[in-house]
PDB file of N, CA and C in Angstrom:
ATOM      1  N   SER A   1      11.372 -37.685  -8.626  1.00  0.00           N
ATOM      2  CA  SER A   1      10.678 -36.807  -9.480  1.00  0.00           C
ATOM      3  C   SER A   1       9.612 -35.943  -8.437  1.00  0.00           C
ATOM      4  N   GLN A   2       9.056 -34.827  -9.018  1.00  0.00           N
ATOM      5  CA  GLN A   2       8.194 -34.084  -8.195  1.00  0.00           C
ATOM      6  C   GLN A   2       7.016 -34.781  -7.836  1.00  0.00           C
ATOM      7  N   CYS A   3       6.385 -35.569  -8.896  1.00  0.00           N
ATOM      8  CA  CYS A   3       5.308 -36.408  -8.709  1.00  0.00           C
ATOM      9  C   CYS A   3       5.415 -37.315  -7.439  1.00  0.00           C
ATOM     10  N   SER A   4       6.609 -38.005  -7.480  1.00  0.00           N
ATOM     11  CA  SER A   4       6.955 -39.001  -6.338  1.00  0.00           C
ATOM     12  C   SER A   4       6.994 -38.291  -4.979  1.00  0.00           C
ATOM     13  N   GLN A   5       7.539 -37.050  -5.092  1.00  0.00           N
ATOM     14  CA  GLN A   5       7.730 -36.120  -3.869  1.00  0.00           C
ATOM     15  C   GLN A   5       6.265 -35.851  -3.266  1.00  0.00           C
ATOM     16  N   LEU A   6       5.403 -35.421  -4.287  1.00  0.00           N
ATOM     17  CA  LEU A   6       4.085 -34.864  -3.804  1.00  0.00           C
ATOM     18  C   LEU A   6       3.258 -36.194  -3.380  1.00  0.00           C
ATOM     19  N   PHE A   7       3.484 -37.249  -4.115  1.00  0.00           N
ATOM     20  CA  PHE A   7       2.767 -38.343  -3.675  1.00  0.00           C
ATOM     21  C   PHE A   7       3.117 -38.853  -2.108  1.00  0.00           C
ATOM     22  N   VAL A   8       4.544 -38.911  -2.009  1.00  0.00           N
ATOM     23  CA  VAL A   8       4.808 -39.101  -0.688  1.00  0.00           C
ATOM     24  C   VAL A   8       4.349 -38.237   0.436  1.00  0.00           C
ATOM     25  N   HIS A   9       4.377 -36.918   0.140  1.00  0.00           N
ATOM     26  CA  HIS A   9       3.910 -35.826   0.890  1.00  0.00           C
ATOM     27  C   HIS A   9       2.366 -36.084   1.388  1.00  0.00           C
ATOM     28  N   MET A  10       1.554 -36.246   0.400  1.00  0.00           N
ATOM     29  CA  MET A  10       0.189 -36.420   0.495  1.00  0.00           C
ATOM     30  C   MET A  10      -0.174 -37.758   1.304  1.00  0.00           C
ATOM     31  N   GLN A  11       0.590 -38.711   1.046  1.00  0.00           N
ATOM     32  CA  GLN A  11       0.469 -40.055   1.846  1.00  0.00           C
ATOM     33  C   GLN A  11       0.948 -39.999   3.241  1.00  0.00           C
ATOM     34  N   ASP A  12       2.006 -39.332   3.358  1.00  0.00           N
ATOM     35  CA  ASP A  12       2.467 -39.449   4.921  1.00  0.00           C
ATOM     36  C   ASP A  12       2.241 -38.043   5.687  1.00  0.00           C
ATOM     37  N   ARG A  13       2.092 -36.927   5.057  1.00  0.00           N
ATOM     38  CA  ARG A  13       1.753 -35.707   5.733  1.00  0.00           C
ATOM     39  C   ARG A  13       0.400 -34.916   5.398  1.00  0.00           C
ATOM     40  N   GLY A  14      -0.237 -35.501   4.507  1.00  0.00           N
ATOM     41  CA  GLY A  14      -1.539 -35.000   4.272  1.00  0.00           C
ATOM     42  C   GLY A  14      -1.589 -33.896   3.114  1.00  0.00           C
ATOM     43  N   PRO A  15      -2.566 -33.055   3.084  1.00  0.00           N
ATOM     44  CA  PRO A  15      -2.772 -32.129   1.967  1.00  0.00           C
ATOM     45  C   PRO A  15      -1.766 -31.181   1.791  1.00  0.00           C
ATOM     46  N   ILE A  16      -1.587 -30.590   0.670  1.00  0.00           N
ATOM     47  CA  ILE A  16      -0.635 -29.682   0.239  1.00  0.00           C
ATOM     48  C   ILE A  16      -1.235 -28.623  -0.597  1.00  0.00           C
ATOM     49  N   THR A  17      -0.865 -27.245  -0.496  1.00  0.00           N
ATOM     50  CA  THR A  17      -1.099 -26.175  -1.307  1.00  0.00           C
ATOM     51  C   THR A  17      -0.170 -25.853  -2.376  1.00  0.00           C
ATOM     52  N   PRO A  18      -0.471 -25.118  -3.437  1.00  0.00           N
ATOM     53  CA  PRO A  18       0.543 -24.642  -4.339  1.00  0.00           C
ATOM     54  C   PRO A  18       1.656 -24.029  -3.619  1.00  0.00           C
ATOM     55  N   LEU A  19       1.641 -23.200  -2.655  1.00  0.00           N
ATOM     56  CA  LEU A  19       2.722 -22.562  -2.180  1.00  0.00           C
ATOM     57  C   LEU A  19       3.618 -23.394  -1.234  1.00  0.00           C
ATOM     58  N   GLU A  20       2.992 -24.345  -0.743  1.00  0.00           N
ATOM     59  CA  GLU A  20       3.693 -25.371   0.031  1.00  0.00           C
ATOM     60  C   GLU A  20       4.552 -26.278  -0.917  1.00  0.00           C
ATOM     61  N   ALA A  21       3.924 -26.654  -1.895  1.00  0.00           N
ATOM     62  CA  ALA A  21       4.485 -27.487  -2.933  1.00  0.00           C
ATOM     63  C   ALA A  21       5.705 -26.783  -3.570  1.00  0.00           C
ATOM     64  N   PHE A  22       5.631 -25.551  -3.899  1.00  0.00           N
ATOM     65  CA  PHE A  22       6.809 -24.670  -4.243  1.00  0.00           C
ATOM     66  C   PHE A  22       7.898 -24.450  -3.374  1.00  0.00           C
ATOM     67  N   ARG A  23       7.520 -24.324  -2.149  1.00  0.00           N
ATOM     68  CA  ARG A  23       8.592 -23.959  -1.001  1.00  0.00           C
ATOM     69  C   ARG A  23       9.465 -25.361  -0.610  1.00  0.00           C
ATOM     70  N   LEU A  24       8.678 -26.376  -0.544  1.00  0.00           N
ATOM     71  CA  LEU A  24       9.228 -27.802  -0.340  1.00  0.00           C
ATOM     72  C   LEU A  24       9.873 -28.374  -1.341  1.00  0.00           C
ATOM     73  N   TYR A  25       9.180 -28.437  -2.626  1.00  0.00           N
ATOM     74  CA  TYR A  25       9.728 -29.194  -3.613  1.00  0.00           C
ATOM     75  C   TYR A  25      10.106 -28.429  -4.961  1.00  0.00           C
ATOM     76  N   GLY A  26       9.787 -27.219  -5.221  1.00  0.00           N
ATOM     77  CA  GLY A  26      10.048 -26.413  -6.325  1.00  0.00           C
ATOM     78  C   GLY A  26       9.191 -26.704  -7.153  1.00  0.00           C
ATOM     79  N   THR A  27       7.855 -26.993  -7.041  1.00  0.00           N
ATOM     80  CA  THR A  27       6.948 -27.346  -8.143  1.00  0.00           C
ATOM     81  C   THR A  27       6.113 -26.021  -8.208  1.00  0.00           C
ATOM     82  N   LEU A  28       6.226 -25.643  -9.481  1.00  0.00           N
ATOM     83  CA  LEU A  28       5.430 -24.482  -9.919  1.00  0.00           C
ATOM     84  C   LEU A  28       4.112 -24.695 -10.397  1.00  0.00           C
ATOM     85  N   ALA A  29       3.709 -25.926 -10.779  1.00  0.00           N
ATOM     86  CA  ALA A  29       2.402 -26.210 -11.360  1.00  0.00           C
ATOM     87  C   ALA A  29       1.940 -27.395 -10.695  1.00  0.00           C
ATOM     88  N   LEU A  30       1.278 -27.343  -9.325  1.00  0.00           N
ATOM     89  CA  LEU A  30       0.743 -28.471  -8.593  1.00  0.00           C
ATOM     90  C   LEU A  30      -0.204 -29.050  -9.269  1.00  0.00           C
ATOM     91  N   HIS A  31      -1.221 -28.195  -9.898  1.00  0.00           N
ATOM     92  CA  HIS A  31      -2.360 -28.876 -10.675  1.00  0.00           C
ATOM     93  C   HIS A  31      -1.844 -29.774 -11.747  1.00  0.00           C
ATOM     94  N   SER A  32      -0.832 -29.497 -12.299  1.00  0.00           N
ATOM     95  CA  SER A  32      -0.351 -30.483 -13.424  1.00  0.00           C
ATOM     96  C   SER A  32       0.098 -31.643 -12.951  1.00  0.00           C
ATOM     97  N   ARG A  33       0.949 -31.460 -11.899  1.00  0.00           N
ATOM     98  CA  ARG A  33       1.536 -32.838 -11.197  1.00  0.00           C
ATOM     99  C   ARG A  33       0.365 -33.656 -10.659  1.00  0.00           C
ATOM    100  N   ALA A  34      -0.547 -33.097 -10.184  1.00  0.00           N
ATOM    101  CA  ALA A  34      -1.741 -33.748  -9.546  1.00  0.00           C
ATOM    102  C   ALA A  34      -2.379 -34.549 -10.856  1.00  0.00           C
ATOM    103  N   ALA A  35      -2.625 -33.860 -11.964  1.00  0.00           N
ATOM    104  CA  ALA A  35      -3.223 -34.395 -13.123  1.00  0.00           C
ATOM    105  C   ALA A  35      -2.287 -35.720 -13.525  1.00  0.00           C
ATOM    106  N   GLU A  36      -0.948 -35.651 -13.506  1.00  0.00           N
ATOM    107  CA  GLU A  36       0.012 -36.811 -13.729  1.00  0.00           C
ATOM    108  C   GLU A  36      -0.253 -37.797 -12.844  1.00  0.00           C
ATOM    109  N   LEU A  37      -0.492 -37.674 -11.549  1.00  0.00           N
ATOM    110  CA  LEU A  37      -0.697 -38.577 -10.568  1.00  0.00           C
ATOM    111  C   LEU A  37      -2.068 -39.288 -10.724  1.00  0.00           C
ATOM    112  N   ARG A  38      -3.033 -38.529 -11.205  1.00  0.00           N
ATOM    113  CA  ARG A  38      -4.403 -39.106 -11.621  1.00  0.00           C
ATOM    114  C   ARG A  38      -4.236 -40.057 -12.967  1.00  0.00           C
ATOM    115  N   GLU A  39      -3.347 -39.592 -13.851  1.00  0.00           N
ATOM    116  CA  GLU A  39      -3.109 -40.450 -14.890  1.00  0.00           C
ATOM    117  C   GLU A  39      -2.485 -41.851 -14.598  1.00  0.00           C
ATOM    118  N   ARG A  40      -1.875 -41.808 -13.540  1.00  0.00           N
ATOM    119  CA  ARG A  40      -1.152 -42.930 -13.056  1.00  0.00           C
ATOM    120  C   ARG A  40      -1.949 -43.797 -12.146  1.00  0.00           C
ATOM    121  N   GLY A  41      -3.188 -43.402 -11.891  1.00  0.00           N
ATOM    122  CA  GLY A  41      -4.318 -44.156 -11.126  1.00  0.00           C
ATOM    123  C   GLY A  41      -4.529 -43.676  -9.842  1.00  0.00           C
ATOM    124  N   ILE A  42      -3.793 -42.736  -9.309  1.00  0.00           N
ATOM    125  CA  ILE A  42      -3.705 -42.269  -7.978  1.00  0.00           C
ATOM    126  C   ILE A  42      -4.941 -41.200  -7.830  1.00  0.00           C
ATOM    127  N   PRO A  43      -5.880 -41.524  -6.780  1.00  0.00           N
ATOM    128  CA  PRO A  43      -6.961 -40.591  -6.774  1.00  0.00           C
ATOM    129  C   PRO A  43      -6.830 -39.195  -5.858  1.00  0.00           C
ATOM    130  N   VAL A  44      -6.334 -38.287  -6.500  1.00  0.00           N
ATOM    131  CA  VAL A  44      -6.058 -37.018  -5.985  1.00  0.00           C
ATOM    132  C   VAL A  44      -7.160 -36.139  -6.172  1.00  0.00           C
ATOM    133  N   LYS A  45      -7.554 -35.530  -5.058  1.00  0.00           N
ATOM    134  CA  LYS A  45      -8.710 -34.551  -4.991  1.00  0.00           C
ATOM    135  C   LYS A  45      -8.144 -33.227  -4.585  1.00  0.00           C
ATOM    136  N   CYS A  46      -9.018 -32.216  -5.067  1.00  0.00           N
ATOM    137  CA  CYS A  46      -8.578 -30.834  -4.772  1.00  0.00           C
ATOM    138  C   CYS A  46      -9.735 -30.142  -4.261  1.00  0.00           C
ATOM    139  N   GLU A  47      -9.344 -29.312  -3.107  1.00  0.00           N
ATOM    140  CA  GLU A  47     -10.706 -28.677  -2.628  1.00  0.00           C
ATOM    141  C   GLU A  47     -10.287 -27.319  -2.464  1.00  0.00           C
ATOM    142  N   LEU A  48     -11.241 -26.283  -2.664  1.00  0.00           N
ATOM    143  CA  LEU A  48     -10.891 -24.981  -2.616  1.00  0.00           C
ATOM    144  C   LEU A  48     -10.881 -24.422  -1.337  1.00  0.00           C
ATOM    145  N   VAL A  49      -9.848 -23.737  -0.693  1.00  0.00           N
ATOM    146  CA  VAL A  49      -9.706 -23.326   0.742  1.00  0.00           C
ATOM    147  C   VAL A  49      -9.357 -21.830   0.608  1.00  0.00           C
ATOM    148  N   GLU A  50      -9.497 -21.005   1.601  1.00  0.00           N
ATOM    149  CA  GLU A  50      -9.078 -19.727   1.709  1.00  0.00           C
ATOM    150  C   GLU A  50      -7.827 -19.647   2.540  1.00  0.00           C
ATOM    151  N   VAL A  51      -6.755 -18.889   1.995  1.00  0.00           N
ATOM    152  CA  VAL A  51      -5.522 -18.743   2.531  1.00  0.00           C
ATOM    153  C   VAL A  51      -5.147 -17.305   2.508  1.00  0.00           C
ATOM    154  N   ASN A  52      -4.932 -16.516   3.612  1.00  0.00           N
ATOM    155  CA  ASN A  52      -4.631 -15.142   3.490  1.00  0.00           C
ATOM    156  C   ASN A  52      -5.565 -14.383   2.625  1.00  0.00           C
ATOM    157  N   GLY A  53      -6.892 -14.748   2.749  1.00  0.00           N
ATOM    158  CA  GLY A  53      -7.827 -14.019   1.754  1.00  0.00           C
ATOM    159  C   GLY A  53      -7.803 -14.427   0.405  1.00  0.00           C
ATOM    160  N   LYS A  54      -7.207 -15.335  -0.079  1.00  0.00           N
ATOM    161  CA  LYS A  54      -7.306 -15.898  -1.379  1.00  0.00           C
ATOM    162  C   LYS A  54      -7.793 -17.375  -1.353  1.00  0.00           C
ATOM    163  N   ARG A  55      -8.523 -17.775  -2.532  1.00  0.00           N
ATOM    164  CA  ARG A  55      -8.846 -19.167  -2.618  1.00  0.00           C
ATOM    165  C   ARG A  55      -7.826 -19.879  -3.404  1.00  0.00           C
ATOM    166  N   VAL A  56      -7.443 -20.997  -2.836  1.00  0.00           N
ATOM    167  CA  VAL A  56      -6.346 -21.905  -3.485  1.00  0.00           C
ATOM    168  C   VAL A  56      -6.837 -23.152  -3.537  1.00  0.00           C
ATOM    169  N   GLY A  57      -6.266 -24.098  -4.267  1.00  0.00           N
ATOM    170  CA  GLY A  57      -6.598 -25.488  -4.188  1.00  0.00           C
ATOM    171  C   GLY A  57      -5.736 -26.167  -3.095  1.00  0.00           C
ATOM    172  N   ARG A  58      -6.213 -26.901  -2.479  1.00  0.00           N
ATOM    173  CA  ARG A  58      -5.388 -27.926  -1.632  1.00  0.00           C
ATOM    174  C   ARG A  58      -5.658 -29.221  -2.037  1.00  0.00           C
ATOM    175  N   TYR A  59      -4.582 -29.949  -2.289  1.00  0.00           N
ATOM    176  CA  TYR A  59      -4.480 -31.259  -2.939  1.00  0.00           C
ATOM    177  C   TYR A  59      -4.283 -32.500  -1.888  1.00  0.00           C
ATOM    178  N   SER A  60      -4.976 -33.467  -1.976  1.00  0.00           N
ATOM    179  CA  SER A  60      -4.837 -34.624  -0.995  1.00  0.00           C
ATOM    180  C   SER A  60      -5.082 -36.021  -1.829  1.00  0.00           C
ATOM    181  N   ILE A  61      -4.804 -36.971  -1.287  1.00  0.00           N
ATOM    182  CA  ILE A  61      -5.166 -38.422  -1.743  1.00  0.00           C
ATOM    183  C   ILE A  61      -6.608 -38.635  -1.218  1.00  0.00           C
ATOM    184  N   ASP A  62      -7.568 -38.898  -2.221  1.00  0.00           N
ATOM    185  CA  ASP A  62      -8.960 -39.339  -1.877  1.00  0.00           C
ATOM    186  C   ASP A  62      -8.995 -40.666  -1.430  1.00  0.00           C
ATOM    187  N   ARG A  63      -9.017 -40.745  -0.189  1.00  0.00           N
ATOM    188  CA  ARG A  63      -9.029 -42.317   0.356  1.00  0.00           C
ATOM    189  C   ARG A  63     -10.409 -42.771   0.117  1.00  0.00           C
ATOM    190  N   ALA A  64     -11.413 -42.045  -0.123  1.00  0.00           N
ATOM    191  CA  ALA A  64     -12.777 -42.535  -0.345  1.00  0.00           C
ATOM    192  C   ALA A  64     -12.747 -43.161  -1.823  1.00  0.00           C
ATOM    193  N   GLY A  65     -11.903 -42.621  -2.712  1.00  0.00           N
ATOM    194  CA  GLY A  65     -11.926 -42.962  -4.055  1.00  0.00           C
ATOM    195  C   GLY A  65     -10.740 -43.903  -4.200  1.00  0.00           C
ATOM    196  N   ALA A  66     -10.132 -44.435  -3.213  1.00  0.00           N
ATOM    197  CA  ALA A  66      -8.812 -45.293  -3.340  1.00  0.00           C
ATOM    198  C   ALA A  66      -9.487 -46.567  -3.682  1.00  0.00           C
TER     199      ALA A  66
END
């Protein structure tokens, strides 16, 4: 599933942005998949970063919250 793919990505490769999630896994709503992971007890955090002049969320596993 997309949630599993995103979890493995964040676990092994680190943070991911919505554009990366779309390009790599076809995920159109990264924020929704992150919410699903949180419901499963996985501490996903989001920080706002600037990419090409736009602010986007960059999602990662919150190791401090684990």
